[in-house]
Every structure is written in C-alpha cells, then in structure tokens.
Amino acid sequence: MKTKADAIKPTHYTACAIQPIDYIWANNLNFLEGNVVKYVTRHKAKNGKEDLEKALYYLQMLIDREYGVNPD
C-alpha cells in the first residue's frame, strides 16, 4: 500500500537533483509547461517513450495556444 510520502516523492522523481514540482513552482510555469517538465524528467525512470509522447502532446498544445495553430 502506498503511503502519503510515496505520493509526495514517488520513486521516479527521487533520483532527481531538483524535484520537478519545485522547479515548476520556482519558475512560475503554467500547467502545460509544468507537464512538459514533469514528463521529460521522469521518462527514463517510469514510462519511457510514452512519457515523451505525453510531453510532446503538451508542448504542441502550448505552441498552439501561444502562437496559434499552424502559424505561417
């Protein structure tokens, strides 16, 4: 059974010098930016290519919202 500590510091982040949530918070990143950081940070320790695809999804959404869909 997972404990509260497991939820706060899951094993796929414990090897990080800086916890993704601390980096996201300190740099005032929004939801989309934060998810890119989160998924790129954990991909080697958790879901591999799937996490990179998730990061790409959020990155594309960020590009579309910030710069318009399919800008010329």
N, C-alpha and C. Protein backbone atom coordinates (compact mmCIF):
# COMPACT_ATOMS: atom_id res chain seq x y z
N MET A 1 0.83 -1.18 0.00
CA MET A 1 0.00 0.00 0.00
C MET A 1 0.88 1.25 0.00
N LYS A 2 0.53 2.21 -0.82
CA LYS A 2 1.30 3.45 -0.90
C LYS A 2 0.98 4.35 0.29
N THR A 3 2.03 5.01 0.75
CA THR A 3 1.86 5.94 1.86
C THR A 3 1.76 7.37 1.31
N LYS A 4 1.45 8.30 2.18
CA LYS A 4 1.41 9.71 1.79
C LYS A 4 2.79 10.15 1.29
N ALA A 5 3.84 9.68 1.91
CA ALA A 5 5.21 10.02 1.48
C ALA A 5 5.48 9.53 0.07
N ASP A 6 4.95 8.35 -0.29
CA ASP A 6 5.12 7.83 -1.65
C ASP A 6 4.46 8.74 -2.66
N ALA A 7 3.31 9.27 -2.32
CA ALA A 7 2.58 10.16 -3.22
C ALA A 7 3.30 11.49 -3.38
N ILE A 8 3.95 11.94 -2.34
CA ILE A 8 4.65 13.22 -2.37
C ILE A 8 6.00 13.10 -3.10
N LYS A 9 6.70 12.02 -2.88
CA LYS A 9 8.01 11.81 -3.50
C LYS A 9 8.05 10.42 -4.14
N PRO A 10 7.37 10.27 -5.29
CA PRO A 10 7.39 8.97 -5.94
C PRO A 10 8.80 8.59 -6.39
N THR A 11 9.05 7.30 -6.49
CA THR A 11 10.40 6.82 -6.78
C THR A 11 10.94 7.30 -8.12
N HIS A 12 10.07 7.58 -9.09
CA HIS A 12 10.59 8.03 -10.38
C HIS A 12 11.09 9.48 -10.34
N TYR A 13 10.94 10.16 -9.22
CA TYR A 13 11.50 11.51 -9.07
C TYR A 13 12.61 11.59 -8.02
N THR A 14 12.75 10.60 -7.18
CA THR A 14 13.68 10.71 -6.05
C THR A 14 15.15 10.80 -6.47
N ALA A 15 15.48 10.34 -7.65
CA ALA A 15 16.87 10.43 -8.13
C ALA A 15 17.19 11.81 -8.69
N CYS A 16 16.20 12.64 -8.84
CA CYS A 16 16.40 13.98 -9.41
C CYS A 16 17.08 14.91 -8.40
N ALA A 17 18.00 15.72 -8.88
CA ALA A 17 18.66 16.70 -8.02
C ALA A 17 17.66 17.76 -7.56
N ILE A 18 16.71 18.07 -8.43
CA ILE A 18 15.65 19.04 -8.13
C ILE A 18 14.33 18.36 -8.47
N GLN A 19 13.41 18.33 -7.52
CA GLN A 19 12.10 17.76 -7.79
C GLN A 19 11.39 18.60 -8.85
N PRO A 20 10.76 17.98 -9.83
CA PRO A 20 10.07 18.74 -10.87
C PRO A 20 9.09 19.77 -10.32
N ILE A 21 8.35 19.41 -9.29
CA ILE A 21 7.38 20.35 -8.72
C ILE A 21 8.07 21.58 -8.16
N ASP A 22 9.25 21.42 -7.57
CA ASP A 22 10.00 22.56 -7.04
C ASP A 22 10.46 23.47 -8.18
N TYR A 23 10.94 22.87 -9.26
CA TYR A 23 11.38 23.64 -10.43
C TYR A 23 10.20 24.37 -11.07
N ILE A 24 9.10 23.67 -11.24
CA ILE A 24 7.90 24.26 -11.84
C ILE A 24 7.41 25.44 -11.01
N TRP A 25 7.33 25.25 -9.71
CA TRP A 25 6.86 26.30 -8.80
C TRP A 25 7.81 27.50 -8.80
N ALA A 26 9.11 27.25 -8.67
CA ALA A 26 10.11 28.32 -8.59
C ALA A 26 10.15 29.17 -9.86
N ASN A 27 9.81 28.56 -10.99
CA ASN A 27 9.86 29.27 -12.27
C ASN A 27 8.49 29.72 -12.75
N ASN A 28 7.49 29.58 -11.89
CA ASN A 28 6.13 30.05 -12.16
C ASN A 28 5.62 29.52 -13.51
N LEU A 29 5.85 28.23 -13.77
CA LEU A 29 5.40 27.64 -15.03
C LEU A 29 3.90 27.34 -14.96
N ASN A 30 3.24 27.45 -16.10
CA ASN A 30 1.82 27.14 -16.13
C ASN A 30 1.62 25.63 -16.25
N PHE A 31 0.37 25.21 -16.30
CA PHE A 31 0.04 23.78 -16.33
C PHE A 31 0.70 23.06 -17.51
N LEU A 32 0.60 23.62 -18.69
CA LEU A 32 1.17 22.97 -19.88
C LEU A 32 2.68 22.88 -19.78
N GLU A 33 3.32 23.98 -19.41
CA GLU A 33 4.78 24.00 -19.26
C GLU A 33 5.23 23.01 -18.18
N GLY A 34 4.50 22.98 -17.08
CA GLY A 34 4.83 22.08 -15.99
C GLY A 34 4.74 20.62 -16.39
N ASN A 35 3.73 20.28 -17.18
CA ASN A 35 3.60 18.90 -17.63
C ASN A 35 4.73 18.50 -18.56
N VAL A 36 5.19 19.41 -19.40
CA VAL A 36 6.34 19.12 -20.26
C VAL A 36 7.55 18.78 -19.39
N VAL A 37 7.82 19.61 -18.39
CA VAL A 37 8.94 19.37 -17.49
C VAL A 37 8.78 18.03 -16.77
N LYS A 38 7.59 17.78 -16.25
CA LYS A 38 7.32 16.55 -15.50
C LYS A 38 7.57 15.31 -16.35
N TYR A 39 6.99 15.27 -17.53
CA TYR A 39 7.10 14.06 -18.35
C TYR A 39 8.51 13.85 -18.91
N VAL A 40 9.19 14.92 -19.27
CA VAL A 40 10.56 14.77 -19.76
C VAL A 40 11.47 14.30 -18.62
N THR A 41 11.26 14.84 -17.43
CA THR A 41 12.09 14.48 -16.28
C THR A 41 11.97 13.01 -15.92
N ARG A 42 10.78 12.47 -15.98
CA ARG A 42 10.57 11.11 -15.48
C ARG A 42 10.63 10.01 -16.53
N HIS A 43 10.77 10.33 -17.79
CA HIS A 43 10.60 9.31 -18.83
C HIS A 43 11.55 8.12 -18.69
N LYS A 44 12.77 8.34 -18.28
CA LYS A 44 13.72 7.22 -18.16
C LYS A 44 13.39 6.30 -16.99
N ALA A 45 12.78 6.84 -15.95
CA ALA A 45 12.51 6.06 -14.74
C ALA A 45 11.08 5.52 -14.69
N LYS A 46 10.21 5.96 -15.60
CA LYS A 46 8.83 5.50 -15.48
C LYS A 46 8.30 4.89 -16.76
N ASN A 47 7.85 5.69 -17.70
CA ASN A 47 7.11 5.16 -18.85
C ASN A 47 7.81 5.30 -20.19
N GLY A 48 9.08 5.68 -20.19
CA GLY A 48 9.85 5.74 -21.43
C GLY A 48 9.22 6.59 -22.52
N LYS A 49 9.10 6.01 -23.70
CA LYS A 49 8.59 6.71 -24.87
C LYS A 49 7.20 7.30 -24.62
N GLU A 50 6.36 6.60 -23.88
CA GLU A 50 5.01 7.11 -23.59
C GLU A 50 5.07 8.47 -22.91
N ASP A 51 5.97 8.65 -21.95
CA ASP A 51 6.09 9.94 -21.27
C ASP A 51 6.60 11.02 -22.22
N LEU A 52 7.51 10.68 -23.11
CA LEU A 52 7.98 11.66 -24.09
C LEU A 52 6.86 12.05 -25.05
N GLU A 53 6.01 11.10 -25.41
CA GLU A 53 4.86 11.42 -26.25
C GLU A 53 3.87 12.33 -25.53
N LYS A 54 3.70 12.11 -24.23
CA LYS A 54 2.84 12.99 -23.44
C LYS A 54 3.43 14.39 -23.39
N ALA A 55 4.75 14.49 -23.19
CA ALA A 55 5.41 15.79 -23.19
C ALA A 55 5.21 16.49 -24.52
N LEU A 56 5.34 15.75 -25.60
CA LEU A 56 5.15 16.30 -26.94
C LEU A 56 3.72 16.80 -27.12
N TYR A 57 2.75 16.06 -26.61
CA TYR A 57 1.35 16.47 -26.67
C TYR A 57 1.15 17.83 -25.99
N TYR A 58 1.68 17.96 -24.77
CA TYR A 58 1.53 19.22 -24.03
C TYR A 58 2.34 20.34 -24.67
N LEU A 59 3.48 20.02 -25.23
CA LEU A 59 4.29 21.02 -25.92
C LEU A 59 3.57 21.54 -27.16
N GLN A 60 2.95 20.64 -27.91
CA GLN A 60 2.20 21.06 -29.09
C GLN A 60 1.00 21.91 -28.69
N MET A 61 0.33 21.55 -27.61
CA MET A 61 -0.80 22.34 -27.13
C MET A 61 -0.32 23.74 -26.72
N LEU A 62 0.83 23.81 -26.07
CA LEU A 62 1.40 25.10 -25.68
C LEU A 62 1.73 25.95 -26.90
N ILE A 63 2.35 25.35 -27.90
CA ILE A 63 2.66 26.08 -29.14
C ILE A 63 1.38 26.60 -29.78
N ASP A 64 0.36 25.73 -29.87
CA ASP A 64 -0.90 26.14 -30.49
C ASP A 64 -1.55 27.30 -29.73
N ARG A 65 -1.54 27.25 -28.41
CA ARG A 65 -2.19 28.30 -27.62
C ARG A 65 -1.39 29.60 -27.60
N GLU A 66 -0.07 29.49 -27.59
CA GLU A 66 0.76 30.69 -27.51
C GLU A 66 0.99 31.34 -28.87
N TYR A 67 1.06 30.53 -29.91
CA TYR A 67 1.46 31.04 -31.22
C TYR A 67 0.45 30.77 -32.33
N GLY A 68 -0.66 30.16 -31.98
CA GLY A 68 -1.69 29.86 -32.96
C GLY A 68 -1.47 28.51 -33.59
N VAL A 69 -2.56 27.91 -33.99
CA VAL A 69 -2.50 26.61 -34.63
C VAL A 69 -1.98 26.78 -36.04
N ASN A 70 -0.97 26.00 -36.40
CA ASN A 70 -0.36 26.02 -37.74
C ASN A 70 0.00 27.43 -38.22
N PRO A 71 0.83 28.16 -37.44
CA PRO A 71 1.20 29.52 -37.88
C PRO A 71 2.01 29.47 -39.18
N ASP A 72 1.89 30.52 -39.98
CA ASP A 72 2.62 30.58 -41.25
C ASP A 72 4.06 30.93 -41.02
